[in-house]
Every structure is written in C-alpha cells, then in structure tokens.
Amino acid sequence: MTNRLQELRVVNKEQQRVLADLLGLSVVDYCKRELGYTRVTLEEAHKLAVHWGLTIEEIFFADEIPFNEVAFCVNSP
C-alpha cells in the first residue's frame, strides 16, 4: 500500500507544517508518515480525508485494484 500524502500536499500547495499541525504531530513525525516509514492511524487518515475532501481509499489505496475488477479463477475438476 502506498499513500498519496506528498502528492496531495504538493498539489494543494501546503507545507508539511500545516498537515503536521492538523494531525497534532511534529514535522518530523508527519514526514515519516508521508514517506511511509510510519503508518498513518485511522484517526489521522480521517482528518486528512476531511481536510482534502477525499475518501480514505482515494488517499491510501489508489494503487489497489478495485474488487469488482478482480478476475476470479476456478479450478476445474
């Protein structure tokens, strides 16, 4: 799983400090989340989703294949 935190921050012309403050983190701790060194909590993910007007899935699961697009294989006897 990858996240789009850096992409969304840059597109929205925000500094890491703004998002760190939103989440109640230091800039260093926010940066660790942006780079994927530390996992984002569900509460933090929700705050970011509300902040950007996106769903959690759009931020953190953009690279995943939607369930309805997965092909299932059944072994024949």
N, C-alpha and C. Protein backbone atom coordinates (compact mmCIF):
# COMPACT_ATOMS: atom_id res chain seq x y z
N MET A 1 0.85 -1.19 0.00
CA MET A 1 0.00 0.00 0.00
C MET A 1 0.88 1.24 0.00
N THR A 2 0.59 2.13 -0.89
CA THR A 2 1.28 3.41 -0.90
C THR A 2 0.28 4.50 -0.55
N ASN A 3 0.80 5.63 -0.20
CA ASN A 3 -0.10 6.75 0.08
C ASN A 3 0.23 7.90 -0.85
N ARG A 4 -0.70 8.81 -0.95
CA ARG A 4 -0.56 9.97 -1.84
C ARG A 4 -0.35 11.25 -1.04
N LEU A 5 0.14 11.16 0.19
CA LEU A 5 0.25 12.34 1.04
C LEU A 5 1.11 13.42 0.42
N GLN A 6 2.28 13.06 -0.06
CA GLN A 6 3.18 14.07 -0.63
C GLN A 6 2.56 14.67 -1.90
N GLU A 7 2.03 13.83 -2.76
CA GLU A 7 1.39 14.31 -3.99
C GLU A 7 0.27 15.30 -3.68
N LEU A 8 -0.60 14.94 -2.75
CA LEU A 8 -1.73 15.81 -2.41
C LEU A 8 -1.28 17.10 -1.74
N ARG A 9 -0.25 17.00 -0.91
CA ARG A 9 0.27 18.20 -0.25
C ARG A 9 0.84 19.17 -1.28
N VAL A 10 1.60 18.65 -2.24
CA VAL A 10 2.22 19.50 -3.25
C VAL A 10 1.15 20.10 -4.17
N VAL A 11 0.20 19.28 -4.61
CA VAL A 11 -0.87 19.77 -5.49
C VAL A 11 -1.67 20.88 -4.82
N ASN A 12 -1.87 20.74 -3.51
CA ASN A 12 -2.64 21.74 -2.76
C ASN A 12 -1.78 22.87 -2.21
N LYS A 13 -0.49 22.86 -2.58
CA LYS A 13 0.46 23.92 -2.19
C LYS A 13 0.47 24.15 -0.69
N GLU A 14 0.57 23.03 0.04
CA GLU A 14 0.62 23.11 1.50
C GLU A 14 2.01 22.70 2.00
N GLN A 15 2.40 23.26 3.10
CA GLN A 15 3.66 22.89 3.71
C GLN A 15 3.42 21.73 4.67
N GLN A 16 4.48 20.96 4.92
CA GLN A 16 4.37 19.86 5.87
C GLN A 16 3.91 20.36 7.23
N ARG A 17 4.30 21.55 7.62
CA ARG A 17 3.92 22.12 8.91
C ARG A 17 2.40 22.20 9.05
N VAL A 18 1.70 22.58 7.98
CA VAL A 18 0.23 22.71 8.01
C VAL A 18 -0.41 21.36 8.34
N LEU A 19 0.05 20.31 7.66
CA LEU A 19 -0.53 18.99 7.87
C LEU A 19 -0.09 18.40 9.21
N ALA A 20 1.14 18.68 9.61
CA ALA A 20 1.61 18.23 10.92
C ALA A 20 0.73 18.85 12.01
N ASP A 21 0.44 20.14 11.90
CA ASP A 21 -0.41 20.82 12.88
C ASP A 21 -1.82 20.23 12.87
N LEU A 22 -2.35 19.95 11.68
CA LEU A 22 -3.68 19.36 11.55
C LEU A 22 -3.76 18.04 12.31
N LEU A 23 -2.69 17.26 12.24
CA LEU A 23 -2.67 15.94 12.88
C LEU A 23 -2.12 15.96 14.30
N GLY A 24 -1.65 17.12 14.75
CA GLY A 24 -1.08 17.22 16.09
C GLY A 24 0.27 16.53 16.19
N LEU A 25 1.05 16.60 15.12
CA LEU A 25 2.36 15.94 15.06
C LEU A 25 3.46 16.96 14.87
N SER A 26 4.70 16.53 15.13
CA SER A 26 5.84 17.35 14.74
C SER A 26 6.02 17.19 13.24
N VAL A 27 6.75 18.10 12.63
CA VAL A 27 7.01 17.99 11.19
C VAL A 27 7.77 16.71 10.89
N VAL A 28 8.69 16.34 11.74
CA VAL A 28 9.46 15.11 11.55
C VAL A 28 8.54 13.89 11.56
N ASP A 29 7.62 13.84 12.51
CA ASP A 29 6.70 12.70 12.58
C ASP A 29 5.75 12.69 11.38
N TYR A 30 5.31 13.86 10.94
CA TYR A 30 4.47 13.90 9.73
C TYR A 30 5.27 13.40 8.53
N CYS A 31 6.49 13.86 8.40
CA CYS A 31 7.34 13.47 7.27
C CYS A 31 7.52 11.95 7.22
N LYS A 32 7.66 11.32 8.38
CA LYS A 32 7.79 9.86 8.43
C LYS A 32 6.55 9.18 7.87
N ARG A 33 5.39 9.76 8.11
CA ARG A 33 4.15 9.20 7.57
C ARG A 33 4.08 9.42 6.06
N GLU A 34 4.48 10.61 5.63
CA GLU A 34 4.45 10.93 4.20
C GLU A 34 5.38 10.00 3.42
N LEU A 35 6.52 9.67 3.99
CA LEU A 35 7.49 8.80 3.32
C LEU A 35 7.20 7.32 3.52
N GLY A 36 6.22 7.00 4.36
CA GLY A 36 5.85 5.61 4.57
C GLY A 36 6.66 4.89 5.63
N TYR A 37 7.47 5.61 6.39
CA TYR A 37 8.26 4.98 7.46
C TYR A 37 7.39 4.66 8.67
N THR A 38 6.34 5.44 8.87
CA THR A 38 5.42 5.25 9.99
C THR A 38 4.01 5.19 9.42
N ARG A 39 3.21 4.28 9.93
CA ARG A 39 1.84 4.15 9.45
C ARG A 39 0.96 5.29 9.96
N VAL A 40 0.03 5.68 9.12
CA VAL A 40 -0.96 6.69 9.48
C VAL A 40 -2.09 5.99 10.22
N THR A 41 -2.50 6.55 11.35
CA THR A 41 -3.60 5.95 12.11
C THR A 41 -4.92 6.22 11.39
N LEU A 42 -5.94 5.48 11.76
CA LEU A 42 -7.26 5.69 11.17
C LEU A 42 -7.77 7.10 11.46
N GLU A 43 -7.54 7.57 12.66
CA GLU A 43 -7.96 8.93 13.03
C GLU A 43 -7.24 9.97 12.17
N GLU A 44 -5.94 9.79 11.97
CA GLU A 44 -5.18 10.72 11.13
C GLU A 44 -5.67 10.65 9.68
N ALA A 45 -5.93 9.45 9.18
CA ALA A 45 -6.42 9.28 7.82
C ALA A 45 -7.76 9.99 7.64
N HIS A 46 -8.62 9.88 8.63
CA HIS A 46 -9.92 10.55 8.57
C HIS A 46 -9.75 12.07 8.52
N LYS A 47 -8.88 12.61 9.36
CA LYS A 47 -8.64 14.06 9.37
C LYS A 47 -8.13 14.53 8.01
N LEU A 48 -7.22 13.78 7.41
CA LEU A 48 -6.68 14.16 6.11
C LEU A 48 -7.75 14.07 5.02
N ALA A 49 -8.57 13.03 5.07
CA ALA A 49 -9.64 12.87 4.09
C ALA A 49 -10.62 14.04 4.16
N VAL A 50 -11.00 14.42 5.35
CA VAL A 50 -11.91 15.56 5.53
C VAL A 50 -11.23 16.84 5.03
N HIS A 51 -9.98 17.02 5.39
CA HIS A 51 -9.22 18.21 5.01
C HIS A 51 -9.18 18.39 3.49
N TRP A 52 -8.95 17.30 2.76
CA TRP A 52 -8.84 17.38 1.31
C TRP A 52 -10.14 17.08 0.58
N GLY A 53 -11.18 16.70 1.31
CA GLY A 53 -12.45 16.38 0.67
C GLY A 53 -12.39 15.10 -0.16
N LEU A 54 -11.60 14.15 0.31
CA LEU A 54 -11.44 12.87 -0.37
C LEU A 54 -11.85 11.74 0.56
N THR A 55 -11.89 10.53 0.03
CA THR A 55 -12.10 9.38 0.89
C THR A 55 -10.74 8.83 1.32
N ILE A 56 -10.75 8.07 2.38
CA ILE A 56 -9.51 7.44 2.84
C ILE A 56 -8.96 6.54 1.73
N GLU A 57 -9.85 5.86 1.03
CA GLU A 57 -9.43 4.97 -0.05
C GLU A 57 -8.70 5.73 -1.15
N GLU A 58 -9.18 6.92 -1.48
CA GLU A 58 -8.54 7.72 -2.53
C GLU A 58 -7.13 8.16 -2.14
N ILE A 59 -6.90 8.30 -0.85
CA ILE A 59 -5.58 8.72 -0.38
C ILE A 59 -4.62 7.53 -0.21
N PHE A 60 -5.12 6.46 0.35
CA PHE A 60 -4.23 5.37 0.76
C PHE A 60 -4.33 4.09 -0.07
N PHE A 61 -5.33 3.96 -0.90
CA PHE A 61 -5.49 2.73 -1.66
C PHE A 61 -5.63 3.00 -3.16
N ALA A 62 -5.08 4.10 -3.62
CA ALA A 62 -5.21 4.48 -5.03
C ALA A 62 -4.55 3.46 -5.96
N ASP A 63 -3.56 2.73 -5.47
CA ASP A 63 -2.85 1.78 -6.31
C ASP A 63 -3.45 0.38 -6.27
N GLU A 64 -4.48 0.20 -5.47
CA GLU A 64 -5.11 -1.12 -5.36
C GLU A 64 -6.12 -1.32 -6.48
N ILE A 65 -6.30 -2.55 -6.90
CA ILE A 65 -7.29 -2.88 -7.92
C ILE A 65 -8.65 -2.96 -7.25
N PRO A 66 -9.65 -2.24 -7.77
CA PRO A 66 -10.99 -2.33 -7.18
C PRO A 66 -11.50 -3.77 -7.20
N PHE A 67 -12.22 -4.15 -6.16
CA PHE A 67 -12.71 -5.52 -6.01
C PHE A 67 -13.51 -5.98 -7.22
N ASN A 68 -14.32 -5.10 -7.77
CA ASN A 68 -15.17 -5.51 -8.90
C ASN A 68 -14.39 -5.71 -10.19
N GLU A 69 -13.10 -5.35 -10.20
CA GLU A 69 -12.28 -5.56 -11.38
C GLU A 69 -11.38 -6.79 -11.25
N VAL A 70 -11.45 -7.47 -10.13
CA VAL A 70 -10.61 -8.64 -9.91
C VAL A 70 -11.26 -9.84 -10.58
N ALA A 71 -10.48 -10.55 -11.37
CA ALA A 71 -11.00 -11.76 -12.02
C ALA A 71 -10.73 -12.95 -11.12
N PHE A 72 -11.74 -13.77 -10.93
CA PHE A 72 -11.58 -14.96 -10.10
C PHE A 72 -11.39 -16.17 -11.00
N CYS A 73 -10.47 -17.02 -10.62
CA CYS A 73 -10.22 -18.25 -11.35
C CYS A 73 -10.73 -19.43 -10.54
N VAL A 74 -11.41 -20.32 -11.19
CA VAL A 74 -11.92 -21.52 -10.52
C VAL A 74 -11.24 -22.72 -11.15
N ASN A 75 -10.68 -23.56 -10.30
CA ASN A 75 -10.04 -24.76 -10.81
C ASN A 75 -11.09 -25.74 -11.28
N SER A 76 -10.92 -26.24 -12.48
CA SER A 76 -11.84 -27.27 -12.98
C SER A 76 -11.42 -28.63 -12.47
N PRO A 77 -12.40 -29.51 -12.15
CA PRO A 77 -12.03 -30.85 -11.68
C PRO A 77 -11.46 -31.70 -12.77
